[in-house]
C-alpha atoms as a PDB file:
ATOM      1  CA  MET A   1       0.000   0.000   0.000  1.00  0.00           C
ATOM      2  CA  LEU A   2       2.951   2.328   0.654  1.00  0.00           C
ATOM      3  CA  LYS A   3       6.425   2.229  -0.838  1.00  0.00           C
ATOM      4  CA  VAL A   4       8.953   4.865   0.166  1.00  0.00           C
ATOM      5  CA  SER A   5      12.256   4.609  -1.678  1.00  0.00           C
ATOM      6  CA  ASN A   6      15.424   6.349  -0.478  1.00  0.00           C
ATOM      7  CA  ILE A   7      13.910   9.760   0.299  1.00  0.00           C
ATOM      8  CA  TYR A   8      15.936  12.742   1.488  1.00  0.00           C
ATOM      9  CA  LYS A   9      14.812  16.112   2.795  1.00  0.00           C
ATOM     10  CA  THR A  10      17.125  18.941   3.823  1.00  0.00           C
ATOM     11  CA  PHE A  11      15.841  22.250   5.155  1.00  0.00           C
ATOM     12  CA  ASN A  12      17.748  25.527   4.573  1.00  0.00           C
ATOM     13  CA  PRO A  13      20.468  23.906   2.429  1.00  0.00           C
ATOM     14  CA  GLY A  14      23.714  25.813   2.121  1.00  0.00           C
ATOM     15  CA  THR A  15      23.051  27.959   5.208  1.00  0.00           C
ATOM     16  CA  VAL A  16      24.156  27.822   8.835  1.00  0.00           C
ATOM     17  CA  ASN A  17      20.685  26.472   9.625  1.00  0.00           C
ATOM     18  CA  GLU A  18      20.992  23.505   7.270  1.00  0.00           C
ATOM     19  CA  LYS A  19      19.217  20.459   8.691  1.00  0.00           C
ATOM     20  CA  THR A  20      18.908  17.035   7.090  1.00  0.00           C
ATOM     21  CA  ALA A  21      15.536  15.831   8.354  1.00  0.00           C
ATOM     22  CA  LEU A  22      15.244  12.680   6.218  1.00  0.00           C
ATOM     23  CA  ASN A  23      18.399  10.837   5.321  1.00  0.00           C
ATOM     24  CA  GLY A  24      17.758   8.022   2.853  1.00  0.00           C
ATOM     25  CA  VAL A  25      14.520   6.645   4.321  1.00  0.00           C
ATOM     26  CA  SER A  26      13.083   3.535   2.661  1.00  0.00           C
ATOM     27  CA  LEU A  27       9.933   1.855   3.899  1.00  0.00           C
ATOM     28  CA  GLU A  28       7.216  -0.510   2.679  1.00  0.00           C
ATOM     29  CA  LEU A  29       3.799  -1.007   4.292  1.00  0.00           C
ATOM     30  CA  ALA A  30       1.477  -3.845   3.331  1.00  0.00           C
ATOM     31  CA  GLU A  31      -2.258  -3.246   3.224  1.00  0.00           C
ATOM     32  CA  GLY A  32      -3.625  -3.227   6.786  1.00  0.00           C
ATOM     33  CA  ASP A  33      -0.269  -2.600   8.478  1.00  0.00           C
ATOM     34  CA  PHE A  34      -0.588  -0.469  11.630  1.00  0.00           C
ATOM     35  CA  VAL A  35       2.846   1.027  12.249  1.00  0.00           C
ATOM     36  CA  THR A  36       3.774   3.049  15.318  1.00  0.00           C
ATOM     37  CA  VAL A  37       6.657   5.508  14.821  1.00  0.00           C
ATOM     38  CA  ILE A  38       8.800   6.696  17.714  1.00  0.00           C
ATOM     39  CA  GLY A  39      11.975   8.716  18.129  1.00  0.00           C
ATOM     40  CA  GLY A  40      13.346  11.775  19.902  1.00  0.00           C
ATOM     41  CA  ASN A  41      12.808  15.397  18.914  1.00  0.00           C
ATOM     42  CA  GLY A  42      14.274  16.073  15.485  1.00  0.00           C
ATOM     43  CA  ALA A  43      14.402  12.367  14.598  1.00  0.00           C
ATOM     44  CA  GLY A  44      12.413  12.976  11.393  1.00  0.00           C
ATOM     45  CA  LYS A  45       9.042  11.487  12.376  1.00  0.00           C
ATOM     46  CA  SER A  46       6.797  14.441  11.530  1.00  0.00           C
ATOM     47  CA  THR A  47       8.881  15.304   8.483  1.00  0.00           C
ATOM     48  CA  LEU A  48       8.275  11.779   7.198  1.00  0.00           C
ATOM     49  CA  LEU A  49       4.500  12.117   7.640  1.00  0.00           C
ATOM     50  CA  ASN A  50       4.558  15.573   6.038  1.00  0.00           C
ATOM     51  CA  ALA A  51       6.539  14.174   3.110  1.00  0.00           C
ATOM     52  CA  LEU A  52       3.956  11.406   2.657  1.00  0.00           C
ATOM     53  CA  ALA A  53       1.148  13.974   2.785  1.00  0.00           C
ATOM     54  CA  GLY A  54       2.876  16.235   0.265  1.00  0.00           C
ATOM     55  CA  VAL A  55       3.411  19.136   2.682  1.00  0.00           C
ATOM     56  CA  TRP A  56       7.162  19.005   1.996  1.00  0.00           C
ATOM     57  CA  PRO A  57       8.415  17.899  -1.435  1.00  0.00           C
ATOM     58  CA  VAL A  58      11.308  15.459  -1.043  1.00  0.00           C
ATOM     59  CA  ASP A  59      14.703  16.345  -2.491  1.00  0.00           C
ATOM     60  CA  VAL A  60      15.499  12.816  -3.696  1.00  0.00           C
ATOM     61  CA  GLY A  61      13.635   9.507  -3.808  1.00  0.00           C
ATOM     62  CA  SER A  62      10.079   8.413  -4.506  1.00  0.00           C
ATOM     63  CA  ILE A  63       6.757   7.798  -2.732  1.00  0.00           C
ATOM     64  CA  CYS A  64       4.123   5.397  -4.093  1.00  0.00           C
ATOM     65  CA  ILE A  65       0.656   4.896  -2.542  1.00  0.00           C
ATOM     66  CA  ASP A  66      -1.291   1.856  -3.721  1.00  0.00           C
ATOM     67  CA  GLY A  67       0.923   1.588  -6.798  1.00  0.00           C
ATOM     68  CA  VAL A  68       0.577   5.260  -7.762  1.00  0.00           C
ATOM     69  CA  ASP A  69       3.721   7.429  -7.797  1.00  0.00           C
ATOM     70  CA  VAL A  70       2.723  10.570  -5.879  1.00  0.00           C
ATOM     71  CA  THR A  71       6.245  11.966  -5.401  1.00  0.00           C
ATOM     72  CA  LYS A  72       5.534  15.081  -7.450  1.00  0.00           C
ATOM     73  CA  THR A  73       1.788  15.227  -6.718  1.00  0.00           C
ATOM     74  CA  SER A  74       0.666  18.358  -4.850  1.00  0.00           C
ATOM     75  CA  GLU A  75      -0.670  18.167  -1.316  1.00  0.00           C
ATOM     76  CA  HIS A  76      -4.320  18.853  -2.208  1.00  0.00           C
ATOM     77  CA  LYS A  77      -4.345  16.257  -5.003  1.00  0.00           C
ATOM     78  CA  ARG A  78      -2.590  13.692  -2.803  1.00  0.00           C
ATOM     79  CA  ALA A  79      -5.242  14.225  -0.104  1.00  0.00           C
ATOM     80  CA  LYS A  80      -7.685  11.865  -1.859  1.00  0.00           C
ATOM     81  CA  TYR A  81      -5.470   8.949  -0.823  1.00  0.00           C
ATOM     82  CA  LEU A  82      -5.029  10.060   2.771  1.00  0.00           C
ATOM     83  CA  GLY A  83      -6.756  10.553   6.098  1.00  0.00           C
ATOM     84  CA  ARG A  84      -4.917  12.636   8.668  1.00  0.00           C
ATOM     85  CA  VAL A  85      -5.282  13.546  12.338  1.00  0.00           C
ATOM     86  CA  PHE A  86      -3.013  16.199  13.837  1.00  0.00           C
ATOM     87  CA  GLN A  87      -1.675  16.735  17.357  1.00  0.00           C
ATOM     88  CA  ASP A  88      -3.716  19.902  17.798  1.00  0.00           C
ATOM     89  CA  PRO A  89      -7.411  19.081  18.458  1.00  0.00           C
ATOM     90  CA  MET A  90      -8.335  22.443  16.889  1.00  0.00           C
ATOM     91  CA  MET A  91      -7.197  21.245  13.462  1.00  0.00           C
ATOM     92  CA  GLY A  92      -9.151  19.013  11.130  1.00  0.00           C
ATOM     93  CA  THR A  93     -12.693  20.178  11.976  1.00  0.00           C
ATOM     94  CA  ALA A  94     -14.911  23.200  11.351  1.00  0.00           C
ATOM     95  CA  ALA A  95     -15.465  24.674  14.821  1.00  0.00           C
ATOM     96  CA  THR A  96     -18.667  26.602  14.029  1.00  0.00           C
ATOM     97  CA  MET A  97     -20.403  23.622  12.460  1.00  0.00           C
ATOM     98  CA  GLY A  98     -22.189  20.746  14.209  1.00  0.00           C
ATOM     99  CA  ILE A  99     -20.752  17.267  14.694  1.00  0.00           C
ATOM    100  CA  ASP A 100     -23.200  15.908  12.114  1.00  0.00           C
ATOM    101  CA  GLU A 101     -22.270  18.638   9.633  1.00  0.00           C
ATOM    102  CA  ASN A 102     -18.554  17.907  10.023  1.00  0.00           C
ATOM    103  CA  LEU A 103     -19.134  14.183   9.474  1.00  0.00           C
ATOM    104  CA  ALA A 104     -21.327  14.941   6.449  1.00  0.00           C
ATOM    105  CA  LEU A 105     -18.544  17.053   4.939  1.00  0.00           C
ATOM    106  CA  ALA A 106     -16.117  14.161   5.367  1.00  0.00           C
ATOM    107  CA  ALA A 107     -18.626  11.713   3.852  1.00  0.00           C
ATOM    108  CA  ARG A 108     -19.012  13.920   0.760  1.00  0.00           C
ATOM    109  CA  ARG A 109     -15.312  14.388   0.223  1.00  0.00           C
ATOM    110  CA  GLY A 110     -14.552  14.252  -3.486  1.00  0.00           C
ATOM    111  CA  LYS A 111     -18.216  13.967  -4.461  1.00  0.00           C
ATOM    112  CA  PHE A 112     -20.429  16.352  -6.429  1.00  0.00           C
ATOM    113  CA  ARG A 113     -22.553  18.435  -4.066  1.00  0.00           C
ATOM    114  CA  GLY A 114     -26.004  19.323  -5.366  1.00  0.00           C
ATOM    115  CA  LEU A 115     -28.977  21.123  -3.830  1.00  0.00           C
ATOM    116  CA  GLY A 116     -30.466  18.138  -2.001  1.00  0.00           C
ATOM    117  CA  PRO A 117     -30.849  17.835   1.792  1.00  0.00           C
ATOM    118  CA  GLY A 118     -27.596  18.484   3.622  1.00  0.00           C
ATOM    119  CA  ILE A 119     -27.835  15.471   5.928  1.00  0.00           C
ATOM    120  CA  THR A 120     -30.306  12.635   5.466  1.00  0.00           C
ATOM    121  CA  ALA A 121     -32.143  10.869   8.295  1.00  0.00           C
ATOM    122  CA  LYS A 122     -30.300   7.658   7.425  1.00  0.00           C
ATOM    123  CA  GLU A 123     -26.956   9.414   7.783  1.00  0.00           C
ATOM    124  CA  LYS A 124     -27.903  10.747  11.208  1.00  0.00           C
ATOM    125  CA  VAL A 125     -28.675   7.211  12.385  1.00  0.00           C
ATOM    126  CA  GLU A 126     -25.286   6.044  11.084  1.00  0.00           C
ATOM    127  CA  TYR A 127     -23.466   8.953  12.719  1.00  0.00           C
ATOM    128  CA  ARG A 128     -25.114   8.287  16.101  1.00  0.00           C
ATOM    129  CA  LYS A 129     -24.008   4.667  15.922  1.00  0.00           C
ATOM    130  CA  MET A 130     -20.437   5.631  15.065  1.00  0.00           C
ATOM    131  CA  LEU A 131     -20.304   8.215  17.858  1.00  0.00           C
ATOM    132  CA  ALA A 132     -21.751   5.785  20.421  1.00  0.00           C
ATOM    133  CA  GLU A 133     -18.846   3.412  19.781  1.00  0.00           C
ATOM    134  CA  LEU A 134     -16.436   6.144  20.924  1.00  0.00           C
ATOM    135  CA  ASP A 135     -17.950   6.033  24.437  1.00  0.00           C
ATOM    136  CA  LEU A 136     -17.542   9.799  24.860  1.00  0.00           C
ATOM    137  CA  GLY A 137     -21.233  10.744  25.103  1.00  0.00           C
ATOM    138  CA  LEU A 138     -21.322  12.352  21.667  1.00  0.00           C
ATOM    139  CA  GLU A 139     -24.176  10.326  20.201  1.00  0.00           C
ATOM    140  CA  THR A 140     -26.696  12.563  22.032  1.00  0.00           C
ATOM    141  CA  ARG A 141     -25.000  15.781  20.883  1.00  0.00           C
ATOM    142  CA  LEU A 142     -25.176  15.348  17.128  1.00  0.00           C
ATOM    143  CA  SER A 143     -25.969  19.001  16.401  1.00  0.00           C
ATOM    144  CA  ALA A 144     -23.533  20.429  18.982  1.00  0.00           C
ATOM    145  CA  LYS A 145     -20.942  22.841  17.581  1.00  0.00           C
ATOM    146  CA  VAL A 146     -17.575  21.100  17.400  1.00  0.00           C
ATOM    147  CA  GLY A 147     -15.848  24.177  18.859  1.00  0.00           C
ATOM    148  CA  LEU A 148     -17.689  23.574  22.145  1.00  0.00           C
ATOM    149  CA  LEU A 149     -16.357  20.030  22.575  1.00  0.00           C
ATOM    150  CA  SER A 150     -13.465  19.028  24.800  1.00  0.00           C
ATOM    151  CA  GLY A 151     -10.101  18.332  23.168  1.00  0.00           C
ATOM    152  CA  GLY A 152     -10.584  14.571  23.404  1.00  0.00           C
ATOM    153  CA  GLN A 153     -14.101  14.674  21.974  1.00  0.00           C
ATOM    154  CA  ARG A 154     -12.960  16.883  19.132  1.00  0.00           C
ATOM    155  CA  GLN A 155     -10.003  14.637  18.377  1.00  0.00           C
ATOM    156  CA  ALA A 156     -12.321  11.614  18.298  1.00  0.00           C
ATOM    157  CA  VAL A 157     -14.593  13.375  15.783  1.00  0.00           C
ATOM    158  CA  THR A 158     -11.532  14.233  13.669  1.00  0.00           C
ATOM    159  CA  LEU A 159     -10.507  10.568  13.748  1.00  0.00           C
ATOM    160  CA  LEU A 160     -13.944   9.536  12.481  1.00  0.00           C
ATOM    161  CA  MET A 161     -13.780  12.158   9.730  1.00  0.00           C
ATOM    162  CA  ALA A 162     -10.296  11.068   8.646  1.00  0.00           C
ATOM    163  CA  SER A 163     -11.285   7.399   8.409  1.00  0.00           C
ATOM    164  CA  LEU A 164     -14.847   7.754   7.103  1.00  0.00           C
ATOM    165  CA  LYS A 165     -13.923   7.335   3.430  1.00  0.00           C
ATOM    166  CA  ARG A 166     -11.501   4.471   4.133  1.00  0.00           C
ATOM    167  CA  PRO A 167      -8.308   6.217   2.985  1.00  0.00           C
ATOM    168  CA  LYS A 168      -5.456   4.299   1.408  1.00  0.00           C
ATOM    169  CA  LEU A 169      -3.231   5.591   4.211  1.00  0.00           C
ATOM    170  CA  LEU A 170      -4.196   6.977   7.632  1.00  0.00           C
ATOM    171  CA  LEU A 171      -1.617   9.328   9.194  1.00  0.00           C
ATOM    172  CA  LEU A 172      -1.824  10.030  12.933  1.00  0.00           C
ATOM    173  CA  ASP A 173       0.630  12.686  14.090  1.00  0.00           C
ATOM    174  CA  GLU A 174       0.729  12.354  17.899  1.00  0.00           C
ATOM    175  CA  HIS A 175      -3.060  12.624  17.881  1.00  0.00           C
ATOM    176  CA  THR A 176      -3.370  11.906  21.631  1.00  0.00           C
ATOM    177  CA  ALA A 177      -0.425  14.005  22.858  1.00  0.00           C
ATOM    178  CA  ALA A 178      -2.577  16.997  23.903  1.00  0.00           C
ATOM    179  CA  LEU A 179      -5.122  14.862  25.797  1.00  0.00           C
ATOM    180  CA  ASP A 180      -5.308  13.770  29.428  1.00  0.00           C
ATOM    181  CA  PRO A 181      -4.301  10.098  29.972  1.00  0.00           C
ATOM    182  CA  LYS A 182      -7.867   8.768  30.414  1.00  0.00           C
ATOM    183  CA  THR A 183      -9.187  10.476  27.277  1.00  0.00           C
ATOM    184  CA  ALA A 184      -6.049   9.572  25.331  1.00  0.00           C
ATOM    185  CA  ALA A 185      -6.626   5.913  26.191  1.00  0.00           C
ATOM    186  CA  LYS A 186     -10.212   6.100  24.894  1.00  0.00           C
ATOM    187  CA  VAL A 187      -9.117   7.745  21.642  1.00  0.00           C
ATOM    188  CA  LEU A 188      -6.418   5.081  21.187  1.00  0.00           C
ATOM    189  CA  GLU A 189      -8.969   2.323  21.781  1.00  0.00           C
ATOM    190  CA  ALA A 190     -11.222   3.933  19.165  1.00  0.00           C
ATOM    191  CA  THR A 191      -8.258   4.176  16.801  1.00  0.00           C
ATOM    192  CA  GLU A 192      -7.506   0.477  17.212  1.00  0.00           C
ATOM    193  CA  ARG A 193     -11.146  -0.472  16.539  1.00  0.00           C
ATOM    194  CA  ILE A 194     -11.459   1.719  13.445  1.00  0.00           C
ATOM    195  CA  VAL A 195      -8.148   0.562  11.953  1.00  0.00           C
ATOM    196  CA  GLU A 196      -8.976  -3.110  12.548  1.00  0.00           C
ATOM    197  CA  LYS A 197     -12.586  -2.841  11.341  1.00  0.00           C
ATOM    198  CA  ASP A 198     -11.704  -1.223   7.998  1.00  0.00           C
ATOM    199  CA  ASN A 199      -8.231  -2.831   7.663  1.00  0.00           C
ATOM    200  CA  LEU A 200      -6.681   0.629   7.260  1.00  0.00           C
ATOM    201  CA  THR A 201      -2.997   1.006   6.514  1.00  0.00           C
ATOM    202  CA  THR A 202      -1.891   3.336   9.305  1.00  0.00           C
ATOM    203  CA  MET A 203       1.155   5.212  10.572  1.00  0.00           C
ATOM    204  CA  MET A 204       0.941   6.631  14.080  1.00  0.00           C
ATOM    205  CA  ILE A 205       3.602   8.872  15.586  1.00  0.00           C
ATOM    206  CA  THR A 206       3.789   8.740  19.361  1.00  0.00           C
ATOM    207  CA  HIS A 207       6.213   9.781  22.083  1.00  0.00           C
ATOM    208  CA  ASN A 208       4.761   7.213  24.456  1.00  0.00           C
ATOM    209  CA  MET A 209       6.885   4.074  24.261  1.00  0.00           C
ATOM    210  CA  LYS A 210       4.235   1.929  25.975  1.00  0.00           C
ATOM    211  CA  ASP A 211       1.610   3.007  23.442  1.00  0.00           C
ATOM    212  CA  ALA A 212       4.046   2.295  20.614  1.00  0.00           C
ATOM    213  CA  ILE A 213       4.525  -1.248  21.905  1.00  0.00           C
ATOM    214  CA  VAL A 214       0.865  -2.006  22.719  1.00  0.00           C
ATOM    215  CA  HIS A 215      -0.732  -0.676  19.530  1.00  0.00           C
ATOM    216  CA  GLY A 216      -0.211  -1.807  15.976  1.00  0.00           C
ATOM    217  CA  ASN A 217       1.551  -4.784  14.428  1.00  0.00           C
ATOM    218  CA  ARG A 218       4.830  -3.039  13.697  1.00  0.00           C
ATOM    219  CA  LEU A 219       7.108  -0.506  15.395  1.00  0.00           C
ATOM    220  CA  ILE A 220       9.616   1.811  13.758  1.00  0.00           C
ATOM    221  CA  MET A 221      12.157   3.966  15.598  1.00  0.00           C
ATOM    222  CA  MET A 222      13.808   6.933  13.900  1.00  0.00           C
ATOM    223  CA  ASN A 223      16.973   8.833  14.768  1.00  0.00           C
ATOM    224  CA  ASN A 224      18.764  11.597  12.842  1.00  0.00           C
ATOM    225  CA  GLY A 225      16.481  11.207   9.844  1.00  0.00           C
ATOM    226  CA  LYS A 226      16.947   7.452   9.528  1.00  0.00           C
ATOM    227  CA  ILE A 227      15.003   4.347  10.496  1.00  0.00           C
ATOM    228  CA  ILE A 228      17.204   2.572  13.017  1.00  0.00           C
ATOM    229  CA  LEU A 229      14.750  -0.065  14.263  1.00  0.00           C
ATOM    230  CA  ASP A 230      11.918  -1.928  12.520  1.00  0.00           C
ATOM    231  CA  ILE A 231      10.224  -4.569  14.678  1.00  0.00           C
ATOM    232  CA  SER A 232       7.070  -6.534  13.927  1.00  0.00           C
ATOM    233  CA  GLY A 233       5.129  -9.699  14.719  1.00  0.00           C
ATOM    234  CA  ASP A 234       6.023 -11.767  17.775  1.00  0.00           C
ATOM    235  CA  ASP A 235       9.209  -9.738  18.358  1.00  0.00           C
ATOM    236  CA  LYS A 236       7.098  -6.614  18.847  1.00  0.00           C
ATOM    237  CA  LYS A 237       4.623  -8.360  21.150  1.00  0.00           C
ATOM    238  CA  LYS A 238       7.450  -9.435  23.478  1.00  0.00           C
ATOM    239  CA  LEU A 239       8.962  -5.944  23.707  1.00  0.00           C
ATOM    240  CA  THR A 240       9.235  -3.968  26.937  1.00  0.00           C
ATOM    241  CA  VAL A 241      10.225  -0.321  27.349  1.00  0.00           C
ATOM    242  CA  GLU A 242      13.572  -1.502  28.751  1.00  0.00           C
ATOM    243  CA  ASP A 243      14.131  -3.639  25.647  1.00  0.00           C
ATOM    244  CA  LEU A 244      13.369  -0.674  23.433  1.00  0.00           C
ATOM    245  CA  LEU A 245      15.801   1.592  25.268  1.00  0.00           C
ATOM    246  CA  GLU A 246      18.514  -1.046  24.970  1.00  0.00           C
ATOM    247  CA  LYS A 247      17.854  -1.575  21.269  1.00  0.00           C
ATOM    248  CA  PHE A 248      17.960   2.189  20.692  1.00  0.00           C
ATOM    249  CA  ALA A 249      21.349   2.425  22.408  1.00  0.00           C
ATOM    250  CA  ILE A 250      22.751  -0.425  20.306  1.00  0.00           C
ATOM    251  CA  ALA A 251      21.332   0.841  16.993  1.00  0.00           C
ATOM    252  CA  SER A 252      22.214   4.514  17.502  1.00  0.00           C
ATOM    253  CA  GLY A 253      25.393   4.164  19.529  1.00  0.00           C
ATOM    254  CA  SER A 254      24.066   6.497  22.234  1.00  0.00           C
ATOM    255  CA  GLU A 255      21.642   6.569  25.145  1.00  0.00           C
ATOM    256  CA  LEU A 256      18.147   7.938  24.619  1.00  0.00           C
ATOM    257  CA  ASP A 257      17.958  11.246  26.502  1.00  0.00           C
ATOM    258  CA  ASN A 258      14.399  12.262  25.607  1.00  0.00           C
ATOM    259  CA  ASP A 259      12.501  12.629  28.904  1.00  0.00           C
ATOM    260  CA  ARG A 260       9.141  12.864  27.161  1.00  0.00           C
ATOM    261  CA  MET A 261       9.592   9.447  25.591  1.00  0.00           C
ATOM    262  CA  MET A 262      10.941   7.757  28.718  1.00  0.00           C
ATOM    263  CA  LEU A 263       8.340   9.240  31.068  1.00  0.00           C
ATOM    264  CA  GLY A 264       5.363   9.195  28.694  1.00  0.00           C
END
């Protein structure tokens, strides 16, 4: 579903602020893979997701989604292949519109919009069912303005919107980082259910090493713009945080000194 071949990205080349964010990254994801991505600040995690989404054009290399080369495809044209949830709960939704209206917008993505009813009765029933599965009390607040929701509720709605059209690739950029632990756990549970139900190919950036181990079928660790660890299957299931720290030290040649990752 995703093939990334030897991509490089350098910011501010030829200046004192030159920074190589991606340094020859190659990666393949099969359909239905749920990959968690971890690494310290500046490791290249968000740059990788932005490169996949077309926010940053890569300097060298290629990106193919479901057999289509999108390397030179603009961000807005590439969006038809992708669903995306950001770290900031304020992004990804229209704050002044209702929950049902936001979901309806996501459902009509890429379709012709005529002068018929905005939201059908059948759709409202479907939306209530989807919201009830989140266990956040949103199914009784269908017409509530999204801007009035808590961060966790809003992030859960964004997750539904991003996955509603079953994207080829779902990108989750630390989508629970701004939430309290209890709400973050609920959003992660919802994420797991949605990904499994629709067999979505997913990449999830997280700073929480426990979450990276528990969720998904594959774990990737980045450092200095490179993938230094790629663990899947039974090897991933057996991992502990201590194992991960040890593997990082061996692969990178240094100790992990990112407090956020170790204490997350």
